[in-house]
Amino acid sequence: MPATTERIDTGLYCAHWIGTMTVLDLYAARDGVEALANADGVDRYVLMIDGTQLKQLPYEVKAYLGSITKRMLGIVVLNAPYAGVVIGRIFNKLMPIQAQFFTNRERWIAEAAQIYARHQQAK
């Protein structure tokens, strides 16, 4: 399976991108994360993407833009391949929500938690 999803904590949901991802896989991962957020009853959340096992991703920027929901507070990406970082930079120029890239797992988790905590404090 090219993507799996998991709940890291309330408001922090991870899509593990594995192997060769397709556009349909991007949407399936989004839907999996949305289902987790719905189950927790949260209105907004942080999307965490783990690209550690990713081999290839689609090069269609529109697909990434279409996979974003208004509920996402931020996107933090762990171990993105070079092409993913390039696509992410293009994405960041087109969207108000910004993707951040990390190679350190602890910093990746800490940033996701901080984004969600800021949202909770602003409520």
N, C-alpha and C. Protein backbone atom coordinates (compact mmCIF):
# COMPACT_ATOMS: atom_id res chain seq x y z
N MET A 1 0.84 -1.19 0.00
CA MET A 1 0.00 0.00 0.00
C MET A 1 0.89 1.25 0.00
N PRO A 2 0.63 2.20 -0.89
CA PRO A 2 1.48 3.38 -1.02
C PRO A 2 1.34 4.40 0.12
N ALA A 3 0.26 4.36 0.91
CA ALA A 3 0.12 5.31 2.01
C ALA A 3 -0.67 4.68 3.14
N THR A 4 -0.23 4.96 4.34
CA THR A 4 -0.98 4.58 5.53
C THR A 4 -1.13 5.83 6.38
N THR A 5 -2.10 5.84 7.26
CA THR A 5 -2.31 6.99 8.13
C THR A 5 -2.35 6.54 9.58
N GLU A 6 -1.96 7.46 10.46
CA GLU A 6 -2.04 7.16 11.89
C GLU A 6 -2.23 8.44 12.67
N ARG A 7 -2.81 8.26 13.83
CA ARG A 7 -3.00 9.34 14.79
C ARG A 7 -1.75 9.40 15.66
N ILE A 8 -1.04 10.52 15.63
CA ILE A 8 0.11 10.71 16.50
C ILE A 8 -0.39 11.20 17.86
N ASP A 9 -1.34 12.13 17.83
CA ASP A 9 -1.99 12.68 19.01
C ASP A 9 -3.22 13.42 18.51
N THR A 10 -4.04 13.89 19.41
CA THR A 10 -5.21 14.65 18.98
C THR A 10 -4.74 15.86 18.18
N GLY A 11 -5.26 15.99 16.97
CA GLY A 11 -4.91 17.10 16.10
C GLY A 11 -3.62 16.92 15.32
N LEU A 12 -2.94 15.80 15.53
CA LEU A 12 -1.70 15.51 14.80
C LEU A 12 -1.86 14.18 14.09
N TYR A 13 -1.97 14.22 12.76
CA TYR A 13 -2.25 13.02 11.99
C TYR A 13 -1.20 12.86 10.90
N CYS A 14 -0.68 11.64 10.81
CA CYS A 14 0.44 11.35 9.91
C CYS A 14 0.01 10.48 8.74
N ALA A 15 0.45 10.89 7.56
CA ALA A 15 0.32 10.07 6.36
C ALA A 15 1.72 9.57 6.03
N HIS A 16 1.91 8.27 6.07
CA HIS A 16 3.19 7.67 5.69
C HIS A 16 3.12 7.39 4.20
N TRP A 17 3.95 8.08 3.43
CA TRP A 17 4.00 7.87 1.99
C TRP A 17 5.04 6.80 1.73
N ILE A 18 4.61 5.72 1.10
CA ILE A 18 5.45 4.54 0.94
C ILE A 18 5.55 4.17 -0.54
N GLY A 19 6.76 3.86 -1.00
CA GLY A 19 6.94 3.37 -2.36
C GLY A 19 6.64 4.42 -3.40
N THR A 20 5.87 4.05 -4.41
CA THR A 20 5.49 4.95 -5.49
C THR A 20 4.09 5.48 -5.24
N MET A 21 3.99 6.78 -5.03
CA MET A 21 2.69 7.42 -4.77
C MET A 21 2.08 7.90 -6.08
N THR A 22 0.77 7.76 -6.18
CA THR A 22 0.01 8.29 -7.32
C THR A 22 -0.87 9.42 -6.81
N VAL A 23 -1.51 10.13 -7.73
CA VAL A 23 -2.45 11.18 -7.35
C VAL A 23 -3.58 10.58 -6.50
N LEU A 24 -4.08 9.43 -6.90
CA LEU A 24 -5.14 8.80 -6.12
C LEU A 24 -4.68 8.44 -4.71
N ASP A 25 -3.41 8.08 -4.57
CA ASP A 25 -2.86 7.78 -3.25
C ASP A 25 -2.82 9.04 -2.38
N LEU A 26 -2.51 10.18 -2.98
CA LEU A 26 -2.51 11.44 -2.23
C LEU A 26 -3.89 11.71 -1.64
N TYR A 27 -4.90 11.53 -2.47
CA TYR A 27 -6.27 11.77 -2.02
C TYR A 27 -6.72 10.73 -1.00
N ALA A 28 -6.30 9.49 -1.17
CA ALA A 28 -6.65 8.46 -0.20
C ALA A 28 -6.00 8.76 1.15
N ALA A 29 -4.76 9.22 1.14
CA ALA A 29 -4.08 9.58 2.39
C ALA A 29 -4.81 10.75 3.05
N ARG A 30 -5.19 11.74 2.26
CA ARG A 30 -5.95 12.88 2.80
C ARG A 30 -7.24 12.40 3.44
N ASP A 31 -7.95 11.52 2.76
CA ASP A 31 -9.22 11.01 3.28
C ASP A 31 -9.01 10.21 4.57
N GLY A 32 -7.91 9.47 4.65
CA GLY A 32 -7.60 8.72 5.86
C GLY A 32 -7.33 9.64 7.04
N VAL A 33 -6.60 10.71 6.78
CA VAL A 33 -6.32 11.69 7.84
C VAL A 33 -7.61 12.40 8.25
N GLU A 34 -8.43 12.76 7.29
CA GLU A 34 -9.71 13.41 7.60
C GLU A 34 -10.58 12.50 8.48
N ALA A 35 -10.58 11.21 8.19
CA ALA A 35 -11.36 10.26 8.99
C ALA A 35 -10.86 10.22 10.44
N LEU A 36 -9.54 10.27 10.62
CA LEU A 36 -8.98 10.28 11.97
C LEU A 36 -9.38 11.55 12.71
N ALA A 37 -9.32 12.69 12.03
CA ALA A 37 -9.71 13.96 12.65
C ALA A 37 -11.19 13.94 13.00
N ASN A 38 -12.01 13.40 12.12
CA ASN A 38 -13.44 13.30 12.40
C ASN A 38 -13.70 12.42 13.61
N ALA A 39 -12.98 11.31 13.71
CA ALA A 39 -13.17 10.40 14.84
C ALA A 39 -12.79 11.08 16.16
N ASP A 40 -11.80 11.97 16.11
CA ASP A 40 -11.40 12.70 17.32
C ASP A 40 -12.26 13.94 17.57
N GLY A 41 -13.06 14.31 16.59
CA GLY A 41 -13.93 15.48 16.75
C GLY A 41 -13.18 16.80 16.72
N VAL A 42 -12.07 16.86 16.02
CA VAL A 42 -11.32 18.11 15.93
C VAL A 42 -11.72 18.88 14.68
N ASP A 43 -11.75 20.21 14.82
CA ASP A 43 -12.12 21.04 13.68
C ASP A 43 -10.93 21.36 12.78
N ARG A 44 -9.74 21.44 13.36
CA ARG A 44 -8.52 21.74 12.61
C ARG A 44 -7.43 20.79 13.06
N TYR A 45 -6.45 20.55 12.20
CA TYR A 45 -5.38 19.61 12.54
C TYR A 45 -4.12 19.92 11.75
N VAL A 46 -3.04 19.29 12.17
CA VAL A 46 -1.76 19.40 11.47
C VAL A 46 -1.55 18.11 10.68
N LEU A 47 -1.24 18.26 9.41
CA LEU A 47 -0.92 17.11 8.57
C LEU A 47 0.57 16.86 8.66
N MET A 48 0.91 15.65 9.08
CA MET A 48 2.31 15.23 9.16
C MET A 48 2.52 14.20 8.05
N ILE A 49 3.53 14.40 7.25
CA ILE A 49 3.83 13.46 6.18
C ILE A 49 5.20 12.85 6.46
N ASP A 50 5.24 11.53 6.48
CA ASP A 50 6.50 10.82 6.67
C ASP A 50 6.91 10.24 5.31
N GLY A 51 7.95 10.81 4.73
CA GLY A 51 8.42 10.37 3.42
C GLY A 51 9.62 9.44 3.49
N THR A 52 9.88 8.88 4.66
CA THR A 52 11.06 8.05 4.87
C THR A 52 11.12 6.87 3.89
N GLN A 53 9.97 6.26 3.59
CA GLN A 53 9.94 5.08 2.71
C GLN A 53 9.47 5.41 1.29
N LEU A 54 9.38 6.70 0.98
CA LEU A 54 8.90 7.14 -0.33
C LEU A 54 9.96 6.92 -1.40
N LYS A 55 9.55 6.34 -2.51
CA LYS A 55 10.46 6.13 -3.65
C LYS A 55 10.18 7.13 -4.76
N GLN A 56 8.91 7.35 -5.06
CA GLN A 56 8.55 8.25 -6.17
C GLN A 56 7.20 8.88 -5.87
N LEU A 57 7.06 10.14 -6.27
CA LEU A 57 5.79 10.82 -6.06
C LEU A 57 5.33 11.46 -7.36
N PRO A 58 4.04 11.79 -7.44
CA PRO A 58 3.55 12.42 -8.67
C PRO A 58 4.11 13.84 -8.81
N TYR A 59 4.31 14.27 -10.03
CA TYR A 59 4.88 15.59 -10.28
C TYR A 59 3.81 16.61 -10.67
N GLU A 60 2.59 16.36 -10.31
CA GLU A 60 1.48 17.26 -10.65
C GLU A 60 1.16 18.14 -9.46
N VAL A 61 1.61 19.39 -9.50
CA VAL A 61 1.41 20.31 -8.38
C VAL A 61 -0.08 20.46 -8.09
N LYS A 62 -0.92 20.47 -9.11
CA LYS A 62 -2.37 20.59 -8.89
C LYS A 62 -2.90 19.49 -7.99
N ALA A 63 -2.33 18.31 -8.08
CA ALA A 63 -2.77 17.20 -7.22
C ALA A 63 -2.51 17.52 -5.76
N TYR A 64 -1.36 18.11 -5.47
CA TYR A 64 -1.04 18.47 -4.08
C TYR A 64 -1.98 19.56 -3.59
N LEU A 65 -2.23 20.55 -4.44
CA LEU A 65 -3.13 21.63 -4.08
C LEU A 65 -4.53 21.07 -3.81
N GLY A 66 -4.96 20.11 -4.61
CA GLY A 66 -6.28 19.51 -4.44
C GLY A 66 -6.39 18.59 -3.24
N SER A 67 -5.26 18.18 -2.70
CA SER A 67 -5.30 17.29 -1.54
C SER A 67 -5.35 18.04 -0.21
N ILE A 68 -5.32 19.36 -0.27
CA ILE A 68 -5.34 20.18 0.94
C ILE A 68 -6.78 20.51 1.32
N THR A 69 -7.06 20.48 2.61
CA THR A 69 -8.39 20.87 3.09
C THR A 69 -8.27 22.11 3.96
N LYS A 70 -9.39 22.79 4.16
CA LYS A 70 -9.42 24.00 4.98
C LYS A 70 -9.18 23.69 6.45
N ARG A 71 -9.27 22.43 6.82
CA ARG A 71 -9.06 22.04 8.21
C ARG A 71 -7.58 21.96 8.59
N MET A 72 -6.70 21.92 7.61
CA MET A 72 -5.27 21.78 7.87
C MET A 72 -4.68 23.09 8.37
N LEU A 73 -4.04 23.03 9.52
CA LEU A 73 -3.37 24.20 10.10
C LEU A 73 -1.97 24.37 9.52
N GLY A 74 -1.35 23.28 9.19
CA GLY A 74 0.01 23.29 8.69
C GLY A 74 0.37 21.91 8.18
N ILE A 75 1.48 21.86 7.47
CA ILE A 75 1.98 20.60 6.93
C ILE A 75 3.45 20.50 7.30
N VAL A 76 3.80 19.41 7.96
CA VAL A 76 5.20 19.16 8.30
C VAL A 76 5.60 17.84 7.66
N VAL A 77 6.74 17.84 6.99
CA VAL A 77 7.16 16.69 6.20
C VAL A 77 8.51 16.19 6.72
N LEU A 78 8.58 14.90 6.94
CA LEU A 78 9.81 14.27 7.39
C LEU A 78 10.45 13.49 6.25
N ASN A 79 11.73 13.71 6.03
CA ASN A 79 12.53 12.95 5.07
C ASN A 79 11.96 12.95 3.65
N ALA A 80 11.61 14.13 3.17
CA ALA A 80 11.14 14.24 1.79
C ALA A 80 12.31 14.04 0.83
N PRO A 81 12.08 13.35 -0.28
CA PRO A 81 13.14 13.27 -1.29
C PRO A 81 13.33 14.65 -1.92
N TYR A 82 14.43 14.83 -2.61
CA TYR A 82 14.74 16.13 -3.21
C TYR A 82 13.57 16.64 -4.07
N ALA A 83 12.99 15.79 -4.89
CA ALA A 83 11.87 16.20 -5.75
C ALA A 83 10.70 16.69 -4.91
N GLY A 84 10.49 16.08 -3.76
CA GLY A 84 9.41 16.49 -2.87
C GLY A 84 9.64 17.88 -2.31
N VAL A 85 10.89 18.20 -1.98
CA VAL A 85 11.22 19.53 -1.48
C VAL A 85 10.99 20.57 -2.58
N VAL A 86 11.38 20.24 -3.80
CA VAL A 86 11.17 21.16 -4.93
C VAL A 86 9.68 21.40 -5.14
N ILE A 87 8.89 20.34 -5.16
CA ILE A 87 7.44 20.48 -5.31
C ILE A 87 6.88 21.27 -4.13
N GLY A 88 7.40 21.02 -2.94
CA GLY A 88 6.95 21.75 -1.76
C GLY A 88 7.21 23.24 -1.86
N ARG A 89 8.33 23.62 -2.43
CA ARG A 89 8.63 25.05 -2.60
C ARG A 89 7.65 25.71 -3.57
N ILE A 90 7.31 25.00 -4.62
CA ILE A 90 6.31 25.51 -5.57
C ILE A 90 4.96 25.62 -4.86
N PHE A 91 4.59 24.58 -4.13
CA PHE A 91 3.35 24.54 -3.37
C PHE A 91 3.28 25.75 -2.43
N ASN A 92 4.37 26.02 -1.72
CA ASN A 92 4.39 27.12 -0.74
C ASN A 92 4.15 28.47 -1.39
N LYS A 93 4.52 28.63 -2.65
CA LYS A 93 4.30 29.89 -3.35
C LYS A 93 2.83 30.05 -3.76
N LEU A 94 2.10 28.94 -3.86
CA LEU A 94 0.73 28.98 -4.35
C LEU A 94 -0.33 28.92 -3.26
N MET A 95 0.05 28.51 -2.07
CA MET A 95 -0.94 28.27 -1.01
C MET A 95 -0.64 29.09 0.24
N PRO A 96 -1.69 29.49 0.96
CA PRO A 96 -1.46 30.19 2.22
C PRO A 96 -0.92 29.27 3.33
N ILE A 97 -1.24 27.99 3.25
CA ILE A 97 -0.72 27.02 4.21
C ILE A 97 0.66 26.59 3.71
N GLN A 98 1.63 26.56 4.58
CA GLN A 98 3.00 26.29 4.18
C GLN A 98 3.47 24.92 4.63
N ALA A 99 4.21 24.24 3.78
CA ALA A 99 4.83 22.97 4.14
C ALA A 99 6.22 23.26 4.69
N GLN A 100 6.55 22.58 5.77
CA GLN A 100 7.88 22.69 6.37
C GLN A 100 8.55 21.33 6.27
N PHE A 101 9.86 21.33 6.04
CA PHE A 101 10.57 20.08 5.81
C PHE A 101 11.60 19.83 6.91
N PHE A 102 11.65 18.57 7.35
CA PHE A 102 12.53 18.16 8.45
C PHE A 102 13.24 16.85 8.11
N THR A 103 14.42 16.70 8.66
CA THR A 103 15.13 15.43 8.58
C THR A 103 15.29 14.82 9.97
N ASN A 104 14.94 15.57 11.00
CA ASN A 104 15.03 15.11 12.37
C ASN A 104 13.63 14.81 12.90
N ARG A 105 13.37 13.57 13.27
CA ARG A 105 12.04 13.14 13.70
C ARG A 105 11.53 13.92 14.91
N GLU A 106 12.38 14.16 15.89
CA GLU A 106 11.97 14.86 17.10
C GLU A 106 11.55 16.31 16.79
N ARG A 107 12.32 16.97 15.94
CA ARG A 107 11.97 18.35 15.55
C ARG A 107 10.69 18.38 14.73
N TRP A 108 10.49 17.37 13.90
CA TRP A 108 9.27 17.24 13.08
C TRP A 108 8.04 17.15 13.98
N ILE A 109 8.10 16.27 14.97
CA ILE A 109 6.98 16.09 15.90
C ILE A 109 6.78 17.35 16.75
N ALA A 110 7.87 17.93 17.22
CA ALA A 110 7.78 19.13 18.06
C ALA A 110 7.13 20.29 17.30
N GLU A 111 7.49 20.47 16.04
CA GLU A 111 6.90 21.55 15.25
C GLU A 111 5.40 21.31 15.04
N ALA A 112 5.03 20.09 14.73
CA ALA A 112 3.60 19.78 14.57
C ALA A 112 2.84 20.08 15.85
N ALA A 113 3.39 19.68 16.99
CA ALA A 113 2.73 19.93 18.27
C ALA A 113 2.62 21.43 18.55
N GLN A 114 3.65 22.19 18.20
CA GLN A 114 3.61 23.64 18.42
C GLN A 114 2.54 24.31 17.56
N ILE A 115 2.44 23.90 16.32
CA ILE A 115 1.41 24.47 15.42
C ILE A 115 0.04 24.21 16.01
N TYR A 116 -0.21 22.99 16.45
CA TYR A 116 -1.53 22.67 17.01
C TYR A 116 -1.76 23.41 18.33
N ALA A 117 -0.75 23.51 19.16
CA ALA A 117 -0.90 24.20 20.45
C ALA A 117 -1.22 25.68 20.23
N ARG A 118 -0.59 26.31 19.25
CA ARG A 118 -0.90 27.72 18.96
C ARG A 118 -2.35 27.88 18.55
N HIS A 119 -2.85 26.93 17.77
CA HIS A 119 -4.25 26.98 17.36
C HIS A 119 -5.17 26.84 18.57
N GLN A 120 -4.85 25.94 19.47
CA GLN A 120 -5.67 25.70 20.67
C GLN A 120 -5.68 26.95 21.56
N GLN A 121 -4.54 27.61 21.67
CA GLN A 121 -4.46 28.81 22.51
C GLN A 121 -5.25 29.97 21.90
N ALA A 122 -5.32 30.02 20.58
CA ALA A 122 -6.00 31.12 19.89
C ALA A 122 -7.52 30.96 19.92
N LYS A 123 -8.00 29.81 20.30
CA LYS A 123 -9.45 29.58 20.31
C LYS A 123 -10.15 30.44 21.33
